[in-house]
Amino acid sequence: MSKQAQLQASLERLRSALPELRGALIATTDGLSIAHALGANVEPSRMSAMAATALGLGKRITSALSAGHMTETSVTGTDGQVFIYAAGEAGVLAILAPHGTNVGLIHLEARDVAREIAALLGGVPA
């Protein structure tokens, strides 16, 4: 199975484990979309760029505060949440979820997927 197919399969497993998700994507730290499972109203290239930007900002914050390596962050709005996970040195995983989704379960599943992505992209796991 190709690396691209393996990454897409990781997203599909995540979506199967958490069917209430609005979407998930994998991007490079430069903001290029690698794989996605998003709703029709979400543009993958735009979401990839924003996820990479959020990851980069998180890395700067954790560095400035001597908080170690950035591993994850979230943004909560009135209609949902976005979770951003570092996937090694080369990737980022973004998850879109409605309010009311079990955040603990999201973290449990997404952290495993982020480690899979890191391994597939050849980066050091976060």
PDB file of N, CA and C in Angstrom:
ATOM      1  N   MET A   1       0.848  -1.173   0.000  1.00  0.00           N
ATOM      2  CA  MET A   1       0.000   0.000   0.000  1.00  0.00           C
ATOM      3  C   MET A   1       0.898   1.243   0.000  1.00  0.00           C
ATOM      4  N   SER A   2       0.574   2.221  -0.810  1.00  0.00           N
ATOM      5  CA  SER A   2       1.369   3.441  -0.896  1.00  0.00           C
ATOM      6  C   SER A   2       1.246   4.254   0.397  1.00  0.00           C
ATOM      7  N   LYS A   3       2.194   5.158   0.606  1.00  0.00           N
ATOM      8  CA  LYS A   3       2.160   6.026   1.775  1.00  0.00           C
ATOM      9  C   LYS A   3       0.883   6.873   1.782  1.00  0.00           C
ATOM     10  N   GLN A   4       0.516   7.380   0.605  1.00  0.00           N
ATOM     11  CA  GLN A   4      -0.704   8.182   0.486  1.00  0.00           C
ATOM     12  C   GLN A   4      -1.933   7.362   0.902  1.00  0.00           C
ATOM     13  N   ALA A   5      -2.005   6.132   0.448  1.00  0.00           N
ATOM     14  CA  ALA A   5      -3.124   5.257   0.794  1.00  0.00           C
ATOM     15  C   ALA A   5      -3.129   4.948   2.293  1.00  0.00           C
ATOM     16  N   GLN A   6      -1.966   4.771   2.881  1.00  0.00           N
ATOM     17  CA  GLN A   6      -1.873   4.504   4.318  1.00  0.00           C
ATOM     18  C   GLN A   6      -2.336   5.713   5.129  1.00  0.00           C
ATOM     19  N   LEU A   7      -1.956   6.911   4.689  1.00  0.00           N
ATOM     20  CA  LEU A   7      -2.392   8.121   5.375  1.00  0.00           C
ATOM     21  C   LEU A   7      -3.908   8.290   5.280  1.00  0.00           C
ATOM     22  N   GLN A   8      -4.444   8.047   4.093  1.00  0.00           N
ATOM     23  CA  GLN A   8      -5.884   8.158   3.902  1.00  0.00           C
ATOM     24  C   GLN A   8      -6.609   7.111   4.751  1.00  0.00           C
ATOM     25  N   ALA A   9      -6.042   5.908   4.844  1.00  0.00           N
ATOM     26  CA  ALA A   9      -6.636   4.852   5.674  1.00  0.00           C
ATOM     27  C   ALA A   9      -6.627   5.253   7.152  1.00  0.00           C
ATOM     28  N   SER A  10      -5.578   5.931   7.597  1.00  0.00           N
ATOM     29  CA  SER A  10      -5.520   6.411   8.984  1.00  0.00           C
ATOM     30  C   SER A  10      -6.659   7.386   9.256  1.00  0.00           C
ATOM     31  N   LEU A  11      -6.915   8.278   8.306  1.00  0.00           N
ATOM     32  CA  LEU A  11      -8.025   9.230   8.467  1.00  0.00           C
ATOM     33  C   LEU A  11      -9.368   8.516   8.480  1.00  0.00           C
ATOM     34  N   GLU A  12      -9.517   7.535   7.627  1.00  0.00           N
ATOM     35  CA  GLU A  12     -10.784   6.795   7.573  1.00  0.00           C
ATOM     36  C   GLU A  12     -11.025   6.027   8.866  1.00  0.00           C
ATOM     37  N   ARG A  13      -9.975   5.453   9.454  1.00  0.00           N
ATOM     38  CA  ARG A  13     -10.116   4.770  10.747  1.00  0.00           C
ATOM     39  C   ARG A  13     -10.533   5.764  11.830  1.00  0.00           C
ATOM     40  N   LEU A  14      -9.947   6.952  11.793  1.00  0.00           N
ATOM     41  CA  LEU A  14     -10.305   7.991  12.746  1.00  0.00           C
ATOM     42  C   LEU A  14     -11.767   8.386  12.588  1.00  0.00           C
ATOM     43  N   ARG A  15     -12.192   8.583  11.350  1.00  0.00           N
ATOM     44  CA  ARG A  15     -13.587   8.964  11.091  1.00  0.00           C
ATOM     45  C   ARG A  15     -14.544   7.838  11.485  1.00  0.00           C
ATOM     46  N   SER A  16     -14.122   6.584  11.337  1.00  0.00           N
ATOM     47  CA  SER A  16     -14.963   5.454  11.756  1.00  0.00           C
ATOM     48  C   SER A  16     -15.092   5.396  13.275  1.00  0.00           C
ATOM     49  N   ALA A  17     -13.983   5.678  13.963  1.00  0.00           N
ATOM     50  CA  ALA A  17     -13.998   5.651  15.424  1.00  0.00           C
ATOM     51  C   ALA A  17     -14.797   6.817  16.001  1.00  0.00           C
ATOM     52  N   LEU A  18     -14.835   7.936  15.257  1.00  0.00           N
ATOM     53  CA  LEU A  18     -15.525   9.141  15.713  1.00  0.00           C
ATOM     54  C   LEU A  18     -16.430   9.652  14.593  1.00  0.00           C
ATOM     55  N   PRO A  19     -17.534   8.969  14.334  1.00  0.00           N
ATOM     56  CA  PRO A  19     -18.377   9.320  13.182  1.00  0.00           C
ATOM     57  C   PRO A  19     -19.001  10.710  13.260  1.00  0.00           C
ATOM     58  N   GLU A  20     -19.050  11.296  14.452  1.00  0.00           N
ATOM     59  CA  GLU A  20     -19.637  12.623  14.587  1.00  0.00           C
ATOM     60  C   GLU A  20     -18.720  13.749  14.124  1.00  0.00           C
ATOM     61  N   LEU A  21     -17.461  13.433  13.808  1.00  0.00           N
ATOM     62  CA  LEU A  21     -16.531  14.468  13.352  1.00  0.00           C
ATOM     63  C   LEU A  21     -17.033  15.126  12.072  1.00  0.00           C
ATOM     64  N   ARG A  22     -16.746  16.404  11.956  1.00  0.00           N
ATOM     65  CA  ARG A  22     -17.092  17.139  10.735  1.00  0.00           C
ATOM     66  C   ARG A  22     -16.016  16.960   9.674  1.00  0.00           C
ATOM     67  N   GLY A  23     -14.833  16.543  10.099  1.00  0.00           N
ATOM     68  CA  GLY A  23     -13.771  16.321   9.133  1.00  0.00           C
ATOM     69  C   GLY A  23     -12.427  16.142   9.799  1.00  0.00           C
ATOM     70  N   ALA A  24     -11.462  15.703   9.003  1.00  0.00           N
ATOM     71  CA  ALA A  24     -10.085  15.531   9.462  1.00  0.00           C
ATOM     72  C   ALA A  24      -9.170  15.675   8.264  1.00  0.00           C
ATOM     73  N   LEU A  25      -7.968  16.166   8.510  1.00  0.00           N
ATOM     74  CA  LEU A  25      -7.005  16.267   7.417  1.00  0.00           C
ATOM     75  C   LEU A  25      -5.591  16.132   7.927  1.00  0.00           C
ATOM     76  N   ILE A  26      -4.731  15.774   6.995  1.00  0.00           N
ATOM     77  CA  ILE A  26      -3.303  15.696   7.249  1.00  0.00           C
ATOM     78  C   ILE A  26      -2.647  16.673   6.292  1.00  0.00           C
ATOM     79  N   ALA A  27      -1.740  17.486   6.838  1.00  0.00           N
ATOM     80  CA  ALA A  27      -1.022  18.456   6.020  1.00  0.00           C
ATOM     81  C   ALA A  27       0.453  18.440   6.397  1.00  0.00           C
ATOM     82  N   THR A  28       1.245  19.039   5.541  1.00  0.00           N
ATOM     83  CA  THR A  28       2.650  19.240   5.879  1.00  0.00           C
ATOM     84  C   THR A  28       2.753  20.453   6.795  1.00  0.00           C
ATOM     85  N   THR A  29       3.873  20.609   7.441  1.00  0.00           N
ATOM     86  CA  THR A  29       4.074  21.780   8.285  1.00  0.00           C
ATOM     87  C   THR A  29       4.200  23.051   7.446  1.00  0.00           C
ATOM     88  N   ASP A  30       4.332  22.904   6.138  1.00  0.00           N
ATOM     89  CA  ASP A  30       4.336  24.044   5.218  1.00  0.00           C
ATOM     90  C   ASP A  30       2.933  24.402   4.758  1.00  0.00           C
ATOM     91  N   GLY A  31       1.935  23.608   5.159  1.00  0.00           N
ATOM     92  CA  GLY A  31       0.554  23.920   4.833  1.00  0.00           C
ATOM     93  C   GLY A  31       0.021  23.273   3.575  1.00  0.00           C
ATOM     94  N   LEU A  32       0.701  22.268   3.063  1.00  0.00           N
ATOM     95  CA  LEU A  32       0.222  21.562   1.873  1.00  0.00           C
ATOM     96  C   LEU A  32      -0.636  20.371   2.296  1.00  0.00           C
ATOM     97  N   SER A  33      -1.792  20.240   1.689  1.00  0.00           N
ATOM     98  CA  SER A  33      -2.701  19.145   2.009  1.00  0.00           C
ATOM     99  C   SER A  33      -2.120  17.823   1.530  1.00  0.00           C
ATOM    100  N   ILE A  34      -2.146  16.820   2.394  1.00  0.00           N
ATOM    101  CA  ILE A  34      -1.655  15.484   2.044  1.00  0.00           C
ATOM    102  C   ILE A  34      -2.833  14.529   1.859  1.00  0.00           C
ATOM    103  N   ALA A  35      -3.737  14.534   2.820  1.00  0.00           N
ATOM    104  CA  ALA A  35      -4.918  13.652   2.776  1.00  0.00           C
ATOM    105  C   ALA A  35      -6.017  14.323   3.578  1.00  0.00           C
ATOM    106  N   HIS A  36      -7.264  14.057   3.187  1.00  0.00           N
ATOM    107  CA  HIS A  36      -8.351  14.666   3.935  1.00  0.00           C
ATOM    108  C   HIS A  36      -9.637  13.870   3.806  1.00  0.00           C
ATOM    109  N   ALA A  37     -10.473  14.060   4.799  1.00  0.00           N
ATOM    110  CA  ALA A  37     -11.836  13.524   4.825  1.00  0.00           C
ATOM    111  C   ALA A  37     -12.672  14.654   5.412  1.00  0.00           C
ATOM    112  N   LEU A  38     -13.046  15.590   4.541  1.00  0.00           N
ATOM    113  CA  LEU A  38     -13.715  16.811   4.966  1.00  0.00           C
ATOM    114  C   LEU A  38     -15.089  16.930   4.336  1.00  0.00           C
ATOM    115  N   GLY A  39     -15.933  17.714   4.979  1.00  0.00           N
ATOM    116  CA  GLY A  39     -17.236  18.014   4.410  1.00  0.00           C
ATOM    117  C   GLY A  39     -17.082  18.896   3.182  1.00  0.00           C
ATOM    118  N   ALA A  40     -18.127  18.977   2.396  1.00  0.00           N
ATOM    119  CA  ALA A  40     -18.100  19.726   1.144  1.00  0.00           C
ATOM    120  C   ALA A  40     -17.857  21.219   1.358  1.00  0.00           C
ATOM    121  N   ASN A  41     -18.188  21.741   2.531  1.00  0.00           N
ATOM    122  CA  ASN A  41     -18.048  23.170   2.761  1.00  0.00           C
ATOM    123  C   ASN A  41     -16.674  23.577   3.299  1.00  0.00           C
ATOM    124  N   VAL A  42     -15.729  22.645   3.394  1.00  0.00           N
ATOM    125  CA  VAL A  42     -14.390  22.942   3.902  1.00  0.00           C
ATOM    126  C   VAL A  42     -13.385  22.735   2.774  1.00  0.00           C
ATOM    127  N   GLU A  43     -12.633  23.766   2.467  1.00  0.00           N
ATOM    128  CA  GLU A  43     -11.619  23.727   1.416  1.00  0.00           C
ATOM    129  C   GLU A  43     -10.321  23.141   1.998  1.00  0.00           C
ATOM    130  N   PRO A  44      -9.865  21.982   1.505  1.00  0.00           N
ATOM    131  CA  PRO A  44      -8.687  21.321   2.077  1.00  0.00           C
ATOM    132  C   PRO A  44      -7.422  22.183   2.062  1.00  0.00           C
ATOM    133  N   SER A  45      -7.170  22.897   0.977  1.00  0.00           N
ATOM    134  CA  SER A  45      -5.933  23.690   0.919  1.00  0.00           C
ATOM    135  C   SER A  45      -5.951  24.832   1.928  1.00  0.00           C
ATOM    136  N   ARG A  46      -7.096  25.460   2.099  1.00  0.00           N
ATOM    137  CA  ARG A  46      -7.215  26.552   3.074  1.00  0.00           C
ATOM    138  C   ARG A  46      -7.086  26.010   4.498  1.00  0.00           C
ATOM    139  N   MET A  47      -7.757  24.886   4.796  1.00  0.00           N
ATOM    140  CA  MET A  47      -7.686  24.296   6.125  1.00  0.00           C
ATOM    141  C   MET A  47      -6.273  23.822   6.431  1.00  0.00           C
ATOM    142  N   SER A  48      -5.581  23.272   5.435  1.00  0.00           N
ATOM    143  CA  SER A  48      -4.200  22.821   5.623  1.00  0.00           C
ATOM    144  C   SER A  48      -3.291  23.984   5.983  1.00  0.00           C
ATOM    145  N   ALA A  49      -3.452  25.092   5.280  1.00  0.00           N
ATOM    146  CA  ALA A  49      -2.636  26.273   5.556  1.00  0.00           C
ATOM    147  C   ALA A  49      -2.898  26.799   6.968  1.00  0.00           C
ATOM    148  N   MET A  50      -4.171  26.831   7.358  1.00  0.00           N
ATOM    149  CA  MET A  50      -4.498  27.317   8.706  1.00  0.00           C
ATOM    150  C   MET A  50      -3.987  26.368   9.783  1.00  0.00           C
ATOM    151  N   ALA A  51      -4.086  25.069   9.553  1.00  0.00           N
ATOM    152  CA  ALA A  51      -3.605  24.092  10.541  1.00  0.00           C
ATOM    153  C   ALA A  51      -2.089  24.224  10.716  1.00  0.00           C
ATOM    154  N   ALA A  52      -1.371  24.373   9.609  1.00  0.00           N
ATOM    155  CA  ALA A  52       0.085  24.525   9.683  1.00  0.00           C
ATOM    156  C   ALA A  52       0.455  25.827  10.389  1.00  0.00           C
ATOM    157  N   THR A  53      -0.303  26.873  10.138  1.00  0.00           N
ATOM    158  CA  THR A  53      -0.055  28.152  10.806  1.00  0.00           C
ATOM    159  C   THR A  53      -0.294  28.037  12.303  1.00  0.00           C
ATOM    160  N   ALA A  54      -1.381  27.379  12.694  1.00  0.00           N
ATOM    161  CA  ALA A  54      -1.676  27.177  14.114  1.00  0.00           C
ATOM    162  C   ALA A  54      -0.578  26.359  14.784  1.00  0.00           C
ATOM    163  N   LEU A  55      -0.103  25.328  14.084  1.00  0.00           N
ATOM    164  CA  LEU A  55       0.983  24.508  14.610  1.00  0.00           C
ATOM    165  C   LEU A  55       2.239  25.353  14.798  1.00  0.00           C
ATOM    166  N   GLY A  56       2.572  26.151  13.783  1.00  0.00           N
ATOM    167  CA  GLY A  56       3.758  27.005  13.869  1.00  0.00           C
ATOM    168  C   GLY A  56       3.667  27.998  15.011  1.00  0.00           C
ATOM    169  N   LEU A  57       2.510  28.613  15.185  1.00  0.00           N
ATOM    170  CA  LEU A  57       2.316  29.550  16.286  1.00  0.00           C
ATOM    171  C   LEU A  57       2.428  28.826  17.624  1.00  0.00           C
ATOM    172  N   GLY A  58       1.837  27.650  17.711  1.00  0.00           N
ATOM    173  CA  GLY A  58       1.939  26.859  18.938  1.00  0.00           C
ATOM    174  C   GLY A  58       3.383  26.525  19.276  1.00  0.00           C
ATOM    175  N   LYS A  59       4.174  26.204  18.252  1.00  0.00           N
ATOM    176  CA  LYS A  59       5.595  25.904  18.480  1.00  0.00           C
ATOM    177  C   LYS A  59       6.330  27.130  19.008  1.00  0.00           C
ATOM    178  N   ARG A  60       6.014  28.296  18.470  1.00  0.00           N
ATOM    179  CA  ARG A  60       6.663  29.531  18.934  1.00  0.00           C
ATOM    180  C   ARG A  60       6.265  29.840  20.374  1.00  0.00           C
ATOM    181  N   ILE A  61       4.998  29.636  20.699  1.00  0.00           N
ATOM    182  CA  ILE A  61       4.536  29.898  22.062  1.00  0.00           C
ATOM    183  C   ILE A  61       5.210  28.954  23.044  1.00  0.00           C
ATOM    184  N   THR A  62       5.202  27.645  22.740  1.00  0.00           N
ATOM    185  CA  THR A  62       5.817  26.694  23.679  1.00  0.00           C
ATOM    186  C   THR A  62       7.314  26.946  23.819  1.00  0.00           C
ATOM    187  N   SER A  63       7.965  27.348  22.743  1.00  0.00           N
ATOM    188  CA  SER A  63       9.384  27.674  22.809  1.00  0.00           C
ATOM    189  C   SER A  63       9.621  28.911  23.674  1.00  0.00           C
ATOM    190  N   ALA A  64       8.846  29.960  23.447  1.00  0.00           N
ATOM    191  CA  ALA A  64       9.010  31.198  24.209  1.00  0.00           C
ATOM    192  C   ALA A  64       8.739  31.001  25.691  1.00  0.00           C
ATOM    193  N   LEU A  65       7.844  30.091  26.016  1.00  0.00           N
ATOM    194  CA  LEU A  65       7.488  29.837  27.413  1.00  0.00           C
ATOM    195  C   LEU A  65       8.264  28.676  28.026  1.00  0.00           C
ATOM    196  N   SER A  66       9.230  28.142  27.277  1.00  0.00           N
ATOM    197  CA  SER A  66      10.021  26.993  27.726  1.00  0.00           C
ATOM    198  C   SER A  66       9.115  25.852  28.174  1.00  0.00           C
ATOM    199  N   ALA A  67       8.102  25.571  27.335  1.00  0.00           N
ATOM    200  CA  ALA A  67       7.120  24.530  27.657  1.00  0.00           C
ATOM    201  C   ALA A  67       7.394  23.228  26.910  1.00  0.00           C
ATOM    202  N   GLY A  68       8.564  23.089  26.328  1.00  0.00           N
ATOM    203  CA  GLY A  68       8.904  21.864  25.617  1.00  0.00           C
ATOM    204  C   GLY A  68       8.414  21.894  24.184  1.00  0.00           C
ATOM    205  N   HIS A  69       8.223  20.710  23.605  1.00  0.00           N
ATOM    206  CA  HIS A  69       7.766  20.587  22.221  1.00  0.00           C
ATOM    207  C   HIS A  69       6.252  20.719  22.155  1.00  0.00           C
ATOM    208  N   MET A  70       5.785  21.468  21.182  1.00  0.00           N
ATOM    209  CA  MET A  70       4.354  21.631  20.975  1.00  0.00           C
ATOM    210  C   MET A  70       3.787  20.308  20.487  1.00  0.00           C
ATOM    211  N   THR A  71       2.717  19.831  21.119  1.00  0.00           N
ATOM    212  CA  THR A  71       2.122  18.570  20.706  1.00  0.00           C
ATOM    213  C   THR A  71       0.703  18.739  20.187  1.00  0.00           C
ATOM    214  N   GLU A  72      -0.061  19.652  20.796  1.00  0.00           N
ATOM    215  CA  GLU A  72      -1.447  19.826  20.348  1.00  0.00           C
ATOM    216  C   GLU A  72      -2.012  21.134  20.866  1.00  0.00           C
ATOM    217  N   THR A  73      -3.055  21.583  20.195  1.00  0.00           N
ATOM    218  CA  THR A  73      -3.782  22.773  20.611  1.00  0.00           C
ATOM    219  C   THR A  73      -5.208  22.661  20.098  1.00  0.00           C
ATOM    220  N   SER A  74      -6.080  23.505  20.617  1.00  0.00           N
ATOM    221  CA  SER A  74      -7.457  23.493  20.132  1.00  0.00           C
ATOM    222  C   SER A  74      -7.991  24.914  20.067  1.00  0.00           C
ATOM    223  N   VAL A  75      -8.982  25.078  19.217  1.00  0.00           N
ATOM    224  CA  VAL A  75      -9.685  26.346  19.080  1.00  0.00           C
ATOM    225  C   VAL A  75     -11.167  26.023  19.210  1.00  0.00           C
ATOM    226  N   THR A  76     -11.849  26.761  20.075  1.00  0.00           N
ATOM    227  CA  THR A  76     -13.265  26.516  20.290  1.00  0.00           C
ATOM    228  C   THR A  76     -14.060  27.739  19.868  1.00  0.00           C
ATOM    229  N   GLY A  77     -15.065  27.493  19.051  1.00  0.00           N
ATOM    230  CA  GLY A  77     -15.976  28.544  18.617  1.00  0.00           C
ATOM    231  C   GLY A  77     -17.375  28.238  19.096  1.00  0.00           C
ATOM    232  N   THR A  78     -18.302  29.080  18.739  1.00  0.00           N
ATOM    233  CA  THR A  78     -19.675  28.890  19.201  1.00  0.00           C
ATOM    234  C   THR A  78     -20.342  27.673  18.570  1.00  0.00           C
ATOM    235  N   ASP A  79     -19.847  27.236  17.409  1.00  0.00           N
ATOM    236  CA  ASP A  79     -20.489  26.126  16.703  1.00  0.00           C
ATOM    237  C   ASP A  79     -19.628  24.875  16.581  1.00  0.00           C
ATOM    238  N   GLY A  80     -18.448  24.864  17.184  1.00  0.00           N
ATOM    239  CA  GLY A  80     -17.616  23.671  17.087  1.00  0.00           C
ATOM    240  C   GLY A  80     -16.204  23.916  17.575  1.00  0.00           C
ATOM    241  N   GLN A  81     -15.389  22.890  17.379  1.00  0.00           N
ATOM    242  CA  GLN A  81     -14.007  22.919  17.838  1.00  0.00           C
ATOM    243  C   GLN A  81     -13.087  22.393  16.745  1.00  0.00           C
ATOM    244  N   VAL A  82     -11.848  22.886  16.780  1.00  0.00           N
ATOM    245  CA  VAL A  82     -10.802  22.397  15.894  1.00  0.00           C
ATOM    246  C   VAL A  82      -9.646  21.965  16.783  1.00  0.00           C
ATOM    247  N   PHE A  83      -9.175  20.759  16.554  1.00  0.00           N
ATOM    248  CA  PHE A  83      -8.048  20.225  17.301  1.00  0.00           C
ATOM    249  C   PHE A  83      -6.879  20.060  16.330  1.00  0.00           C
ATOM    250  N   ILE A  84      -5.713  20.557  16.730  1.00  0.00           N
ATOM    251  CA  ILE A  84      -4.514  20.508  15.900  1.00  0.00           C
ATOM    252  C   ILE A  84      -3.468  19.695  16.651  1.00  0.00           C
ATOM    253  N   TYR A  85      -2.919  18.682  15.983  1.00  0.00           N
ATOM    254  CA  TYR A  85      -1.911  17.807  16.586  1.00  0.00           C
ATOM    255  C   TYR A  85      -0.643  17.817  15.740  1.00  0.00           C
ATOM    256  N   ALA A  86       0.505  17.956  16.391  1.00  0.00           N
ATOM    257  CA  ALA A  86       1.776  17.793  15.694  1.00  0.00           C
ATOM    258  C   ALA A  86       1.901  16.320  15.336  1.00  0.00           C
ATOM    259  N   ALA A  87       2.333  16.055  14.112  1.00  0.00           N
ATOM    260  CA  ALA A  87       2.549  14.678  13.651  1.00  0.00           C
ATOM    261  C   ALA A  87       4.011  14.562  13.265  1.00  0.00           C
ATOM    262  N   GLY A  88       4.865  14.466  14.275  1.00  0.00           N
ATOM    263  CA  GLY A  88       6.294  14.458  14.046  1.00  0.00           C
ATOM    264  C   GLY A  88       6.770  15.839  13.642  1.00  0.00           C
ATOM    265  N   GLU A  89       7.884  15.865  12.930  1.00  0.00           N
ATOM    266  CA  GLU A  89       8.463  17.131  12.495  1.00  0.00           C
ATOM    267  C   GLU A  89       7.908  17.586  11.155  1.00  0.00           C
ATOM    268  N   ALA A  90       7.249  16.693  10.433  1.00  0.00           N
ATOM    269  CA  ALA A  90       6.845  17.008   9.057  1.00  0.00           C
ATOM    270  C   ALA A  90       5.351  17.199   8.848  1.00  0.00           C
ATOM    271  N   GLY A  91       4.524  16.776   9.812  1.00  0.00           N
ATOM    272  CA  GLY A  91       3.087  16.783   9.555  1.00  0.00           C
ATOM    273  C   GLY A  91       2.251  17.405  10.643  1.00  0.00           C
ATOM    274  N   VAL A  92       1.006  17.639  10.278  1.00  0.00           N
ATOM    275  CA  VAL A  92       0.016  18.168  11.207  1.00  0.00           C
ATOM    276  C   VAL A  92      -1.315  17.471  10.931  1.00  0.00           C
ATOM    277  N   LEU A  93      -2.018  17.134  11.995  1.00  0.00           N
ATOM    278  CA  LEU A  93      -3.339  16.527  11.909  1.00  0.00           C
ATOM    279  C   LEU A  93      -4.342  17.527  12.453  1.00  0.00           C
ATOM    280  N   ALA A  94      -5.377  17.806  11.692  1.00  0.00           N
ATOM    281  CA  ALA A  94      -6.442  18.713  12.142  1.00  0.00           C
ATOM    282  C   ALA A  94      -7.759  17.961  12.161  1.00  0.00           C
ATOM    283  N   ILE A  95      -8.524  18.187  13.206  1.00  0.00           N
ATOM    284  CA  ILE A  95      -9.817  17.528  13.377  1.00  0.00           C
ATOM    285  C   ILE A  95     -10.874  18.583  13.657  1.00  0.00           C
ATOM    286  N   LEU A  96     -11.976  18.506  12.936  1.00  0.00           N
ATOM    287  CA  LEU A  96     -13.103  19.421  13.121  1.00  0.00           C
ATOM    288  C   LEU A  96     -14.221  18.650  13.807  1.00  0.00           C
ATOM    289  N   ALA A  97     -14.694  19.178  14.934  1.00  0.00           N
ATOM    290  CA  ALA A  97     -15.718  18.466  15.705  1.00  0.00           C
ATOM    291  C   ALA A  97     -16.810  19.420  16.169  1.00  0.00           C
ATOM    292  N   PRO A  98     -18.038  18.927  16.221  1.00  0.00           N
ATOM    293  CA  PRO A  98     -19.114  19.748  16.783  1.00  0.00           C
ATOM    294  C   PRO A  98     -19.002  19.776  18.307  1.00  0.00           C
ATOM    295  N   HIS A  99     -19.634  20.771  18.928  1.00  0.00           N
ATOM    296  CA  HIS A  99     -19.707  20.787  20.391  1.00  0.00           C
ATOM    297  C   HIS A  99     -20.419  19.530  20.853  1.00  0.00           C
ATOM    298  N   GLY A 100     -20.033  19.080  22.021  1.00  0.00           N
ATOM    299  CA  GLY A 100     -20.682  17.903  22.585  1.00  0.00           C
ATOM    300  C   GLY A 100     -19.954  16.608  22.271  1.00  0.00           C
ATOM    301  N   THR A 101     -18.979  16.668  21.373  1.00  0.00           N
ATOM    302  CA  THR A 101     -18.186  15.475  21.075  1.00  0.00           C
ATOM    303  C   THR A 101     -17.293  15.186  22.274  1.00  0.00           C
ATOM    304  N   ASN A 102     -17.106  13.928  22.586  1.00  0.00           N
ATOM    305  CA  ASN A 102     -16.283  13.511  23.715  1.00  0.00           C
ATOM    306  C   ASN A 102     -14.820  13.876  23.434  1.00  0.00           C
ATOM    307  N   VAL A 103     -14.344  14.929  24.085  1.00  0.00           N
ATOM    308  CA  VAL A 103     -12.991  15.430  23.844  1.00  0.00           C
ATOM    309  C   VAL A 103     -11.934  14.404  24.248  1.00  0.00           C
ATOM    310  N   GLY A 104     -12.163  13.691  25.332  1.00  0.00           N
ATOM    311  CA  GLY A 104     -11.217  12.659  25.756  1.00  0.00           C
ATOM    312  C   GLY A 104     -11.044  11.587  24.692  1.00  0.00           C
ATOM    313  N   LEU A 105     -12.149  11.184  24.081  1.00  0.00           N
ATOM    314  CA  LEU A 105     -12.092  10.180  23.021  1.00  0.00           C
ATOM    315  C   LEU A 105     -11.395  10.740  21.782  1.00  0.00           C
ATOM    316  N   ILE A 106     -11.662  12.005  21.467  1.00  0.00           N
ATOM    317  CA  ILE A 106     -10.960  12.637  20.342  1.00  0.00           C
ATOM    318  C   ILE A 106      -9.462  12.569  20.575  1.00  0.00           C
ATOM    319  N   HIS A 107      -9.013  13.002  21.765  1.00  0.00           N
ATOM    320  CA  HIS A 107      -7.577  12.981  22.064  1.00  0.00           C
ATOM    321  C   HIS A 107      -7.007  11.565  22.004  1.00  0.00           C
ATOM    322  N   LEU A 108      -7.710  10.614  22.565  1.00  0.00           N
ATOM    323  CA  LEU A 108      -7.245   9.226  22.566  1.00  0.00           C
ATOM    324  C   LEU A 108      -7.002   8.723  21.144  1.00  0.00           C
ATOM    325  N   GLU A 109      -7.992   8.904  20.287  1.00  0.00           N
ATOM    326  CA  GLU A 109      -7.889   8.418  18.906  1.00  0.00           C
ATOM    327  C   GLU A 109      -6.902   9.253  18.093  1.00  0.00           C
ATOM    328  N   ALA A 110      -6.977  10.569  18.225  1.00  0.00           N
ATOM    329  CA  ALA A 110      -6.152  11.450  17.390  1.00  0.00           C
ATOM    330  C   ALA A 110      -4.669  11.354  17.723  1.00  0.00           C
ATOM    331  N   ARG A 111      -4.332  11.182  18.967  1.00  0.00           N
ATOM    332  CA  ARG A 111      -2.914  11.058  19.340  1.00  0.00           C
ATOM    333  C   ARG A 111      -2.305   9.816  18.710  1.00  0.00           C
ATOM    334  N   ASP A 112      -3.060   8.727  18.676  1.00  0.00           N
ATOM    335  CA  ASP A 112      -2.571   7.510  18.011  1.00  0.00           C
ATOM    336  C   ASP A 112      -2.370   7.750  16.514  1.00  0.00           C
ATOM    337  N   VAL A 113      -3.336   8.404  15.894  1.00  0.00           N
ATOM    338  CA  VAL A 113      -3.236   8.686  14.460  1.00  0.00           C
ATOM    339  C   VAL A 113      -2.071   9.631  14.189  1.00  0.00           C
ATOM    340  N   ALA A 114      -1.856  10.625  15.040  1.00  0.00           N
ATOM    341  CA  ALA A 114      -0.730  11.549  14.860  1.00  0.00           C
ATOM    342  C   ALA A 114       0.601  10.798  14.914  1.00  0.00           C
ATOM    343  N   ARG A 115       0.706   9.809  15.789  1.00  0.00           N
ATOM    344  CA  ARG A 115       1.935   8.995  15.852  1.00  0.00           C
ATOM    345  C   ARG A 115       2.106   8.163  14.573  1.00  0.00           C
ATOM    346  N   GLU A 116       1.001   7.610  14.059  1.00  0.00           N
ATOM    347  CA  GLU A 116       1.049   6.860  12.796  1.00  0.00           C
ATOM    348  C   GLU A 116       1.531   7.766  11.660  1.00  0.00           C
ATOM    349  N   ILE A 117       0.967   8.955  11.601  1.00  0.00           N
ATOM    350  CA  ILE A 117       1.338   9.910  10.548  1.00  0.00           C
ATOM    351  C   ILE A 117       2.813  10.255  10.650  1.00  0.00           C
ATOM    352  N   ALA A 118       3.281  10.523  11.868  1.00  0.00           N
ATOM    353  CA  ALA A 118       4.699  10.844  12.068  1.00  0.00           C
ATOM    354  C   ALA A 118       5.593   9.721  11.548  1.00  0.00           C
ATOM    355  N   ALA A 119       5.228   8.496  11.855  1.00  0.00           N
ATOM    356  CA  ALA A 119       6.022   7.354  11.384  1.00  0.00           C
ATOM    357  C   ALA A 119       6.004   7.250   9.871  1.00  0.00           C
ATOM    358  N   LEU A 120       4.832   7.460   9.267  1.00  0.00           N
ATOM    359  CA  LEU A 120       4.719   7.365   7.810  1.00  0.00           C
ATOM    360  C   LEU A 120       5.459   8.483   7.090  1.00  0.00           C
ATOM    361  N   LEU A 121       5.481   9.663   7.705  1.00  0.00           N
ATOM    362  CA  LEU A 121       6.158  10.794   7.072  1.00  0.00           C
ATOM    363  C   LEU A 121       7.645  10.831   7.409  1.00  0.00           C
ATOM    364  N   GLY A 122       8.081   9.915   8.270  1.00  0.00           N
ATOM    365  CA  GLY A 122       9.493   9.829   8.591  1.00  0.00           C
ATOM    366  C   GLY A 122       9.940  10.819   9.638  1.00  0.00           C
ATOM    367  N   GLY A 123       8.990  11.427  10.341  1.00  0.00           N
ATOM    368  CA  GLY A 123       9.333  12.391  11.384  1.00  0.00           C
ATOM    369  C   GLY A 123       9.400  11.737  12.737  1.00  0.00           C
ATOM    370  N   VAL A 124       9.966  12.451  13.662  1.00  0.00           N
ATOM    371  CA  VAL A 124      10.042  11.988  15.033  1.00  0.00           C
ATOM    372  C   VAL A 124       8.667  12.184  15.657  1.00  0.00           C
ATOM    373  N   PRO A 125       8.096  11.152  16.286  1.00  0.00           N
ATOM    374  CA  PRO A 125       6.786  11.322  16.916  1.00  0.00           C
ATOM    375  C   PRO A 125       6.796  12.431  17.951  1.00  0.00           C
ATOM    376  N   ALA A 126       5.680  13.149  18.039  1.00  0.00           N
ATOM    377  CA  ALA A 126       5.566  14.235  19.013  1.00  0.00           C
ATOM    378  C   ALA A 126       5.362  13.680  20.401  1.00  0.00           C
TER     379      ALA A 126
END
